[in-house]
Amino acid sequence: MEQMNMKHKELAQVVGFTSRVSEILNKKRKLTLGMVRKLSNTLKIPTEVLVQEY
């Protein structure tokens, strides 16, 4: 997010809700398959990076 100069609001447009973005960034919620696909397609991030354990 920081590397792409994105704000929570912009990322929420891809993921769904601003609160969901906060939960994901704070590692309280994992990405769903749909989120992974949207993020990969929209932000051109390889799916392999998005599905790694953290």
Protein backbone atom coordinates (compact mmCIF):
# COMPACT_ATOMS: atom_id res chain seq x y z
CA MET A 1 0.00 0.00 0.00
CA GLU A 2 2.76 2.42 0.94
CA GLN A 3 4.87 1.43 -2.06
CA MET A 4 1.98 2.26 -4.38
CA ASN A 5 1.05 5.45 -2.50
CA MET A 6 -2.44 4.11 -1.86
CA LYS A 7 -4.76 5.22 0.89
CA HIS A 8 -7.14 3.04 2.90
CA LYS A 9 -10.08 4.43 0.95
CA GLU A 10 -8.53 3.47 -2.41
CA LEU A 11 -7.70 -0.02 -1.21
CA ALA A 12 -11.23 -0.37 0.19
CA GLN A 13 -12.57 0.09 -3.33
CA VAL A 14 -10.75 -3.11 -4.30
CA VAL A 15 -11.29 -5.13 -1.10
CA GLY A 16 -14.74 -3.97 -0.09
CA PHE A 17 -14.81 -1.91 3.11
CA THR A 18 -12.43 0.45 4.91
CA SER A 19 -12.84 -1.56 8.12
CA ARG A 20 -11.90 -4.73 6.25
CA VAL A 21 -8.71 -3.06 4.98
CA SER A 22 -7.72 -2.24 8.56
CA GLU A 23 -8.41 -5.81 9.69
CA ILE A 24 -6.29 -7.23 6.88
CA LEU A 25 -3.40 -4.83 7.46
CA ASN A 26 -3.49 -5.59 11.20
CA LYS A 27 -3.48 -9.34 10.42
CA LYS A 28 -6.86 -9.90 12.06
CA ARG A 29 -8.45 -11.11 8.82
CA LYS A 30 -7.01 -13.11 5.96
CA LEU A 31 -7.57 -12.35 2.30
CA THR A 32 -10.33 -14.30 0.60
CA LEU A 33 -9.86 -15.85 -2.82
CA GLY A 34 -11.98 -13.09 -4.33
CA MET A 35 -9.86 -10.40 -2.67
CA VAL A 36 -6.68 -12.05 -3.92
CA ARG A 37 -8.02 -12.09 -7.47
CA LYS A 38 -9.16 -8.46 -7.34
CA LEU A 39 -5.89 -7.26 -5.83
CA SER A 40 -3.85 -9.24 -8.32
CA ASN A 41 -5.78 -7.94 -11.32
CA THR A 42 -6.15 -4.35 -10.15
CA LEU A 43 -2.72 -3.75 -8.65
CA LYS A 44 -0.74 -6.18 -10.83
CA ILE A 45 0.58 -8.07 -7.80
CA PRO A 46 1.44 -11.73 -8.41
CA THR A 47 -0.97 -14.07 -6.65
CA GLU A 48 2.00 -15.95 -5.19
CA VAL A 49 2.87 -12.86 -3.16
CA LEU A 50 -0.68 -12.40 -1.89
CA VAL A 51 -1.14 -15.99 -0.72
CA GLN A 52 2.08 -16.29 1.28
CA GLU A 53 1.85 -16.98 5.01
CA TYR A 54 2.56 -14.01 7.21
